[in-house]
């Protein structure tokens, strides 16, 4: 069995960046980025909106969460720890 097959079998969670438009009375409309979590069957299990206006920061966090297979139950705390 090749390493790629083994890696696919170990993927339980798939994190991905989502682009959103938000509106705040004092800020007006702005672009922001959130994180969506999918399970192995690509069913959405969690989403966190308006994580950061910095796309690159969210991309980096998403890559880390995918690499380390962060449990979705820890998503909120992990985002707070990163203080994007």
Foldseek 3Di string as FASTA:
>chain_A
DDPVVVLLVPQFKQKDKDWDWDQDPVPGIAIAIWIWIAGSVRHTDDIDPRLGSDPVVVVVVNVVCRVVVDDPVCVVVVSVVVND
